[in-house]
Amino acid sequence: MFNNFHLFSQLNLYLKAGLNLSSVTVSNNADGFDKSTGFIPAYHGGIILHSTLDDEYSFETGIVYNVKGYKMDVLGINIHTYSTYIEIPIYFSYKLPSFSYFTTNNINIKVGPYYAFAIKELIRNSIMKKNVKGQIGKNQDAGDTLKPNDIGINLGVDYFRKNIILGLNLGIGLLNNRPGGGKGNAVRNLSSQFSLGYILNKNNDKTKEE
C-alpha cells in the first residue's frame, strides 16, 4: 500500500482558510452549561496535502490552526469562550460521479477523524469586556479549564474549480473537553467550517510505475 501510494497517487498541496461557527454539545447538564445560546464566530487556516488514489477516491491530511468556542448566558451575563487548537485532520474522500444532465465530478464528499491539541483558551464576559486566559490541563481542582487534547470526526464536502476549492465541514468532538470529568458536565466541541482553498501545485498527471 505504501509503494502504491507513492507510485500511482496524484499529490496536490493547498492552503485553506475561512469562517468557523462553533458551539458545544452538553450531556449531564450542570453548573449552567444547559444555558448555552448557540454558535460563536471564529476562524481557521492551514495547509493540506491531497492525494488522489484513483479516479474516485482520495486521501487528505494536514495541519490546521483552528479556533473553536461557545457562548452562554448566565444570570444575564454573556460569556464567550474561545479555544484554540492545532488540528491534524485525516480525510478519506469520494468524488461524486457525473450524471446525464448534472455534472458532479468536481464535488468530493469526505469523512475522517481528527486529533487536536489545545494551545490557549480565552474567556470574555459582557461585564469585564476583556479576555481572561483559561488554563490548559487535566485537573479542574487546580484551576484547569480546558483539556490539552481533543479527538473527533470530520464530515465535509468540497467543490473544486480549477485551482480554487470551496469547502464545508462539520467537526464533531468525541471527548469531554472539561478537565477532571467536568464535575458532572460532559462538554464536547461542535464546529462548522466554511473554507476557501487554493491549490499551490496542481498535478494533472499520475506518476507511472516504471
C-alpha atoms as a PDB file:
ATOM      1  CA  MET A   1       0.000   0.000   0.000  1.00  0.00           C
ATOM      2  CA  PHE A   2       2.841   2.403   0.831  1.00  0.00           C
ATOM      3  CA  ASN A   3       4.544   1.762  -2.524  1.00  0.00           C
ATOM      4  CA  ASN A   4       1.292   2.165  -4.454  1.00  0.00           C
ATOM      5  CA  PHE A   5       0.624   5.453  -2.652  1.00  0.00           C
ATOM      6  CA  HIS A   6       3.894   6.892  -3.960  1.00  0.00           C
ATOM      7  CA  LEU A   7       3.881   5.308  -7.407  1.00  0.00           C
ATOM      8  CA  PHE A   8       0.325   5.956  -8.516  1.00  0.00           C
ATOM      9  CA  SER A   9      -1.028   8.840  -6.441  1.00  0.00           C
ATOM     10  CA  GLN A  10      -1.568  12.402  -7.614  1.00  0.00           C
ATOM     11  CA  LEU A  11      -0.343  14.845  -4.975  1.00  0.00           C
ATOM     12  CA  ASN A  12      -1.697  18.371  -4.555  1.00  0.00           C
ATOM     13  CA  LEU A  13      -0.790  20.855  -1.853  1.00  0.00           C
ATOM     14  CA  TYR A  14      -3.271  23.586  -0.974  1.00  0.00           C
ATOM     15  CA  LEU A  15      -3.857  26.352   1.538  1.00  0.00           C
ATOM     16  CA  LYS A  16      -7.251  26.927   3.102  1.00  0.00           C
ATOM     17  CA  ALA A  17      -8.793  29.455   5.473  1.00  0.00           C
ATOM     18  CA  GLY A  18     -12.245  30.591   6.452  1.00  0.00           C
ATOM     19  CA  LEU A  19     -15.012  31.088   8.975  1.00  0.00           C
ATOM     20  CA  ASN A  20     -15.911  28.854  11.914  1.00  0.00           C
ATOM     21  CA  LEU A  21     -19.292  28.771  13.636  1.00  0.00           C
ATOM     22  CA  SER A  22     -18.712  26.818  16.833  1.00  0.00           C
ATOM     23  CA  SER A  23     -20.578  25.677  19.890  1.00  0.00           C
ATOM     24  CA  VAL A  24     -20.604  22.692  22.245  1.00  0.00           C
ATOM     25  CA  THR A  25     -22.857  19.733  22.887  1.00  0.00           C
ATOM     26  CA  VAL A  26     -23.580  19.049  26.532  1.00  0.00           C
ATOM     27  CA  SER A  27     -24.776  15.971  28.389  1.00  0.00           C
ATOM     28  CA  ASN A  28     -25.314  15.546  32.149  1.00  0.00           C
ATOM     29  CA  ASN A  29     -26.024  19.284  32.339  1.00  0.00           C
ATOM     30  CA  ALA A  30     -24.747  21.013  35.466  1.00  0.00           C
ATOM     31  CA  ASP A  31     -23.364  24.391  36.520  1.00  0.00           C
ATOM     32  CA  GLY A  32     -25.280  26.335  33.876  1.00  0.00           C
ATOM     33  CA  PHE A  33     -23.924  24.680  30.747  1.00  0.00           C
ATOM     34  CA  ASP A  34     -27.518  23.991  29.709  1.00  0.00           C
ATOM     35  CA  LYS A  35     -27.811  27.745  29.086  1.00  0.00           C
ATOM     36  CA  SER A  36     -25.551  27.665  26.025  1.00  0.00           C
ATOM     37  CA  THR A  37     -27.053  30.090  23.493  1.00  0.00           C
ATOM     38  CA  GLY A  38     -25.629  28.883  20.206  1.00  0.00           C
ATOM     39  CA  PHE A  39     -22.760  29.281  17.792  1.00  0.00           C
ATOM     40  CA  ILE A  40     -19.887  31.744  18.042  1.00  0.00           C
ATOM     41  CA  PRO A  41     -17.878  33.033  15.042  1.00  0.00           C
ATOM     42  CA  ALA A  42     -14.146  32.373  14.775  1.00  0.00           C
ATOM     43  CA  TYR A  43     -11.674  31.352  12.066  1.00  0.00           C
ATOM     44  CA  HIS A  44      -9.286  28.681  10.838  1.00  0.00           C
ATOM     45  CA  GLY A  45      -6.363  28.357   8.443  1.00  0.00           C
ATOM     46  CA  GLY A  46      -3.991  25.616   7.404  1.00  0.00           C
ATOM     47  CA  ILE A  47      -2.127  23.640   4.786  1.00  0.00           C
ATOM     48  CA  ILE A  48      -3.484  20.380   3.334  1.00  0.00           C
ATOM     49  CA  LEU A  49      -1.916  17.565   1.306  1.00  0.00           C
ATOM     50  CA  HIS A  50      -4.436  15.974  -1.065  1.00  0.00           C
ATOM     51  CA  SER A  51      -3.540  12.636  -2.638  1.00  0.00           C
ATOM     52  CA  THR A  52      -5.690  11.205  -5.430  1.00  0.00           C
ATOM     53  CA  LEU A  53      -5.549   7.407  -5.190  1.00  0.00           C
ATOM     54  CA  ASP A  54      -7.666   6.673  -8.280  1.00  0.00           C
ATOM     55  CA  ASP A  55     -10.463   8.265 -10.330  1.00  0.00           C
ATOM     56  CA  GLU A  56     -12.903   8.199  -7.396  1.00  0.00           C
ATOM     57  CA  TYR A  57     -11.035   8.001  -4.079  1.00  0.00           C
ATOM     58  CA  SER A  58      -8.515  10.279  -2.426  1.00  0.00           C
ATOM     59  CA  PHE A  59      -6.803  10.912   0.893  1.00  0.00           C
ATOM     60  CA  GLU A  60      -6.096  14.162   2.753  1.00  0.00           C
ATOM     61  CA  THR A  61      -4.163  15.226   5.808  1.00  0.00           C
ATOM     62  CA  GLY A  62      -2.556  18.435   7.022  1.00  0.00           C
ATOM     63  CA  ILE A  63      -2.151  20.939   9.842  1.00  0.00           C
ATOM     64  CA  VAL A  64      -4.883  23.462  10.703  1.00  0.00           C
ATOM     65  CA  TYR A  65      -4.887  26.362  13.170  1.00  0.00           C
ATOM     66  CA  ASN A  66      -8.465  26.134  14.435  1.00  0.00           C
ATOM     67  CA  VAL A  67     -10.351  28.424  16.834  1.00  0.00           C
ATOM     68  CA  LYS A  68     -13.479  26.915  18.374  1.00  0.00           C
ATOM     69  CA  GLY A  69     -15.699  28.032  21.233  1.00  0.00           C
ATOM     70  CA  TYR A  70     -19.165  28.659  22.607  1.00  0.00           C
ATOM     71  CA  LYS A  71     -21.270  31.361  24.231  1.00  0.00           C
ATOM     72  CA  MET A  72     -23.511  31.236  27.274  1.00  0.00           C
ATOM     73  CA  ASP A  73     -25.980  33.475  29.089  1.00  0.00           C
ATOM     74  CA  VAL A  74     -25.721  33.026  32.862  1.00  0.00           C
ATOM     75  CA  LEU A  75     -27.868  35.314  35.036  1.00  0.00           C
ATOM     76  CA  GLY A  76     -27.944  37.892  32.251  1.00  0.00           C
ATOM     77  CA  ILE A  77     -24.167  37.829  31.744  1.00  0.00           C
ATOM     78  CA  ASN A  78     -22.947  36.880  28.267  1.00  0.00           C
ATOM     79  CA  ILE A  79     -19.864  34.673  28.374  1.00  0.00           C
ATOM     80  CA  HIS A  80     -17.778  33.920  25.264  1.00  0.00           C
ATOM     81  CA  THR A  81     -15.146  31.194  25.373  1.00  0.00           C
ATOM     82  CA  TYR A  82     -12.564  30.703  22.584  1.00  0.00           C
ATOM     83  CA  SER A  83     -10.430  27.542  22.467  1.00  0.00           C
ATOM     84  CA  THR A  84      -7.511  27.473  20.020  1.00  0.00           C
ATOM     85  CA  TYR A  85      -6.179  24.166  18.686  1.00  0.00           C
ATOM     86  CA  ILE A  86      -3.547  22.869  16.311  1.00  0.00           C
ATOM     87  CA  GLU A  87      -5.530  20.197  14.492  1.00  0.00           C
ATOM     88  CA  ILE A  88      -4.399  17.258  12.356  1.00  0.00           C
ATOM     89  CA  PRO A  89      -7.296  16.023  10.201  1.00  0.00           C
ATOM     90  CA  ILE A  90      -7.326  12.787   8.198  1.00  0.00           C
ATOM     91  CA  TYR A  91      -9.896  12.544   5.415  1.00  0.00           C
ATOM     92  CA  PHE A  92     -10.969   9.789   3.063  1.00  0.00           C
ATOM     93  CA  SER A  93     -12.928  11.312   0.185  1.00  0.00           C
ATOM     94  CA  TYR A  94     -15.068  10.125  -2.698  1.00  0.00           C
ATOM     95  CA  LYS A  95     -15.613  12.032  -5.954  1.00  0.00           C
ATOM     96  CA  LEU A  96     -19.243  12.010  -6.994  1.00  0.00           C
ATOM     97  CA  PRO A  97     -19.892  10.599 -10.488  1.00  0.00           C
ATOM     98  CA  SER A  98     -21.388  12.571 -13.358  1.00  0.00           C
ATOM     99  CA  PHE A  99     -24.990  12.011 -14.415  1.00  0.00           C
ATOM    100  CA  SER A 100     -26.628  12.581 -17.781  1.00  0.00           C
ATOM    101  CA  TYR A 101     -27.949  16.061 -17.045  1.00  0.00           C
ATOM    102  CA  PHE A 102     -25.947  17.040 -13.995  1.00  0.00           C
ATOM    103  CA  THR A 103     -22.153  17.211 -13.623  1.00  0.00           C
ATOM    104  CA  THR A 104     -20.854  16.457 -10.121  1.00  0.00           C
ATOM    105  CA  ASN A 105     -17.354  15.158 -10.820  1.00  0.00           C
ATOM    106  CA  ASN A 106     -15.821  18.255  -9.241  1.00  0.00           C
ATOM    107  CA  ILE A 107     -17.517  17.559  -5.892  1.00  0.00           C
ATOM    108  CA  ASN A 108     -15.895  15.434  -3.189  1.00  0.00           C
ATOM    109  CA  ILE A 109     -17.597  14.156  -0.061  1.00  0.00           C
ATOM    110  CA  LYS A 110     -15.226  13.223   2.739  1.00  0.00           C
ATOM    111  CA  VAL A 111     -15.084  11.805   6.257  1.00  0.00           C
ATOM    112  CA  GLY A 112     -12.385  11.032   8.774  1.00  0.00           C
ATOM    113  CA  PRO A 113     -11.011  11.538  12.280  1.00  0.00           C
ATOM    114  CA  TYR A 114      -9.064  14.459  13.672  1.00  0.00           C
ATOM    115  CA  TYR A 115      -6.632  14.880  16.528  1.00  0.00           C
ATOM    116  CA  ALA A 116      -6.078  18.316  18.080  1.00  0.00           C
ATOM    117  CA  PHE A 117      -4.010  19.725  20.911  1.00  0.00           C
ATOM    118  CA  ALA A 118      -5.004  22.928  22.690  1.00  0.00           C
ATOM    119  CA  ILE A 119      -2.619  25.885  22.748  1.00  0.00           C
ATOM    120  CA  LYS A 120      -4.744  28.517  24.510  1.00  0.00           C
ATOM    121  CA  GLU A 121      -8.187  29.416  25.833  1.00  0.00           C
ATOM    122  CA  LEU A 122      -9.632  32.919  26.172  1.00  0.00           C
ATOM    123  CA  ILE A 123     -12.764  33.797  28.154  1.00  0.00           C
ATOM    124  CA  ARG A 124     -14.646  37.105  27.938  1.00  0.00           C
ATOM    125  CA  ASN A 125     -17.876  38.252  29.583  1.00  0.00           C
ATOM    126  CA  SER A 126     -20.174  41.220  28.963  1.00  0.00           C
ATOM    127  CA  ILE A 127     -19.274  42.894  32.277  1.00  0.00           C
ATOM    128  CA  MET A 128     -15.461  42.937  32.199  1.00  0.00           C
ATOM    129  CA  LYS A 129     -15.277  43.066  28.373  1.00  0.00           C
ATOM    130  CA  LYS A 130     -11.694  41.829  28.294  1.00  0.00           C
ATOM    131  CA  ASN A 131     -10.087  38.470  27.620  1.00  0.00           C
ATOM    132  CA  VAL A 132      -9.044  36.268  30.537  1.00  0.00           C
ATOM    133  CA  LYS A 133      -6.741  33.349  29.851  1.00  0.00           C
ATOM    134  CA  GLY A 134      -8.008  29.889  30.678  1.00  0.00           C
ATOM    135  CA  GLN A 135      -5.704  27.177  31.964  1.00  0.00           C
ATOM    136  CA  ILE A 136      -4.937  24.044  29.952  1.00  0.00           C
ATOM    137  CA  GLY A 137      -4.580  20.805  31.894  1.00  0.00           C
ATOM    138  CA  LYS A 138      -6.404  17.796  33.296  1.00  0.00           C
ATOM    139  CA  ASN A 139      -7.043  18.877  36.901  1.00  0.00           C
ATOM    140  CA  GLN A 140     -10.112  21.046  37.378  1.00  0.00           C
ATOM    141  CA  ASP A 141      -9.446  21.368  41.115  1.00  0.00           C
ATOM    142  CA  ALA A 142      -6.135  23.075  40.253  1.00  0.00           C
ATOM    143  CA  GLY A 143      -7.924  25.643  38.104  1.00  0.00           C
ATOM    144  CA  ASP A 144      -7.603  23.948  34.706  1.00  0.00           C
ATOM    145  CA  THR A 145     -10.416  24.910  32.338  1.00  0.00           C
ATOM    146  CA  LEU A 146      -9.608  23.015  29.115  1.00  0.00           C
ATOM    147  CA  LYS A 147      -8.185  19.564  28.431  1.00  0.00           C
ATOM    148  CA  PRO A 148      -4.984  19.550  26.350  1.00  0.00           C
ATOM    149  CA  ASN A 149      -6.269  17.117  23.687  1.00  0.00           C
ATOM    150  CA  ASP A 150      -9.363  16.647  21.561  1.00  0.00           C
ATOM    151  CA  ILE A 151     -10.394  13.833  19.213  1.00  0.00           C
ATOM    152  CA  GLY A 152     -13.367  13.846  16.879  1.00  0.00           C
ATOM    153  CA  ILE A 153     -14.878  13.161  13.477  1.00  0.00           C
ATOM    154  CA  ASN A 154     -14.978  15.489  10.452  1.00  0.00           C
ATOM    155  CA  LEU A 155     -17.662  15.352   7.751  1.00  0.00           C
ATOM    156  CA  GLY A 156     -17.223  17.544   4.705  1.00  0.00           C
ATOM    157  CA  VAL A 157     -17.961  18.493   1.103  1.00  0.00           C
ATOM    158  CA  ASP A 158     -15.501  20.182  -1.291  1.00  0.00           C
ATOM    159  CA  TYR A 159     -16.210  21.839  -4.621  1.00  0.00           C
ATOM    160  CA  PHE A 160     -13.219  22.106  -6.985  1.00  0.00           C
ATOM    161  CA  ARG A 161     -12.975  24.726  -9.741  1.00  0.00           C
ATOM    162  CA  LYS A 162      -9.548  24.857 -11.390  1.00  0.00           C
ATOM    163  CA  ASN A 163      -7.187  25.820  -8.523  1.00  0.00           C
ATOM    164  CA  ILE A 164      -9.967  27.034  -6.210  1.00  0.00           C
ATOM    165  CA  ILE A 165     -11.676  24.896  -3.555  1.00  0.00           C
ATOM    166  CA  LEU A 166     -14.855  25.809  -1.697  1.00  0.00           C
ATOM    167  CA  GLY A 167     -15.373  23.658   1.382  1.00  0.00           C
ATOM    168  CA  LEU A 168     -17.992  22.962   4.026  1.00  0.00           C
ATOM    169  CA  ASN A 169     -17.034  20.890   7.070  1.00  0.00           C
ATOM    170  CA  LEU A 170     -18.654  19.744  10.308  1.00  0.00           C
ATOM    171  CA  GLY A 171     -16.362  18.754  13.188  1.00  0.00           C
ATOM    172  CA  ILE A 172     -17.907  16.652  15.965  1.00  0.00           C
ATOM    173  CA  GLY A 173     -15.861  16.260  19.136  1.00  0.00           C
ATOM    174  CA  LEU A 174     -15.907  12.871  20.854  1.00  0.00           C
ATOM    175  CA  LEU A 175     -14.023  13.702  24.068  1.00  0.00           C
ATOM    176  CA  ASN A 176     -15.237  15.666  27.074  1.00  0.00           C
ATOM    177  CA  ASN A 177     -13.060  18.788  26.959  1.00  0.00           C
ATOM    178  CA  ARG A 178     -13.662  19.679  30.620  1.00  0.00           C
ATOM    179  CA  PRO A 179     -10.800  18.639  32.959  1.00  0.00           C
ATOM    180  CA  GLY A 180     -11.440  16.151  35.728  1.00  0.00           C
ATOM    181  CA  GLY A 181     -14.655  14.863  34.198  1.00  0.00           C
ATOM    182  CA  GLY A 182     -16.167  18.342  34.267  1.00  0.00           C
ATOM    183  CA  LYS A 183     -17.801  17.800  37.689  1.00  0.00           C
ATOM    184  CA  GLY A 184     -20.911  16.466  36.006  1.00  0.00           C
ATOM    185  CA  ASN A 185     -20.565  18.287  32.681  1.00  0.00           C
ATOM    186  CA  ALA A 186     -19.743  16.326  29.525  1.00  0.00           C
ATOM    187  CA  VAL A 187     -18.870  19.124  27.085  1.00  0.00           C
ATOM    188  CA  ARG A 188     -17.832  18.311  23.511  1.00  0.00           C
ATOM    189  CA  ASN A 189     -16.819  20.614  20.661  1.00  0.00           C
ATOM    190  CA  LEU A 190     -19.133  21.134  17.689  1.00  0.00           C
ATOM    191  CA  SER A 191     -17.858  23.294  14.842  1.00  0.00           C
ATOM    192  CA  SER A 192     -18.908  24.085  11.275  1.00  0.00           C
ATOM    193  CA  GLN A 193     -16.321  25.485   8.854  1.00  0.00           C
ATOM    194  CA  PHE A 194     -16.729  27.433   5.606  1.00  0.00           C
ATOM    195  CA  SER A 195     -13.425  27.383   3.723  1.00  0.00           C
ATOM    196  CA  LEU A 196     -11.776  28.896   0.681  1.00  0.00           C
ATOM    197  CA  GLY A 197      -8.754  26.996  -0.599  1.00  0.00           C
ATOM    198  CA  TYR A 198      -6.115  27.481  -3.270  1.00  0.00           C
ATOM    199  CA  ILE A 199      -4.107  24.632  -4.816  1.00  0.00           C
ATOM    200  CA  LEU A 200      -0.420  25.558  -4.929  1.00  0.00           C
ATOM    201  CA  ASN A 201       0.907  22.820  -7.219  1.00  0.00           C
ATOM    202  CA  LYS A 202      -1.938  21.218  -9.119  1.00  0.00           C
ATOM    203  CA  ASN A 203      -0.704  17.949 -10.612  1.00  0.00           C
ATOM    204  CA  ASN A 204      -2.719  16.663 -13.553  1.00  0.00           C
ATOM    205  CA  ASP A 205      -0.641  13.587 -14.372  1.00  0.00           C
ATOM    206  CA  LYS A 206      -0.420  10.465 -12.267  1.00  0.00           C
ATOM    207  CA  THR A 207       3.025   9.116 -11.628  1.00  0.00           C
ATOM    208  CA  LYS A 208       3.576   5.923 -13.568  1.00  0.00           C
ATOM    209  CA  GLU A 209       5.375   2.898 -12.275  1.00  0.00           C
ATOM    210  CA  GLU A 210       8.484   2.032 -14.286  1.00  0.00           C
END
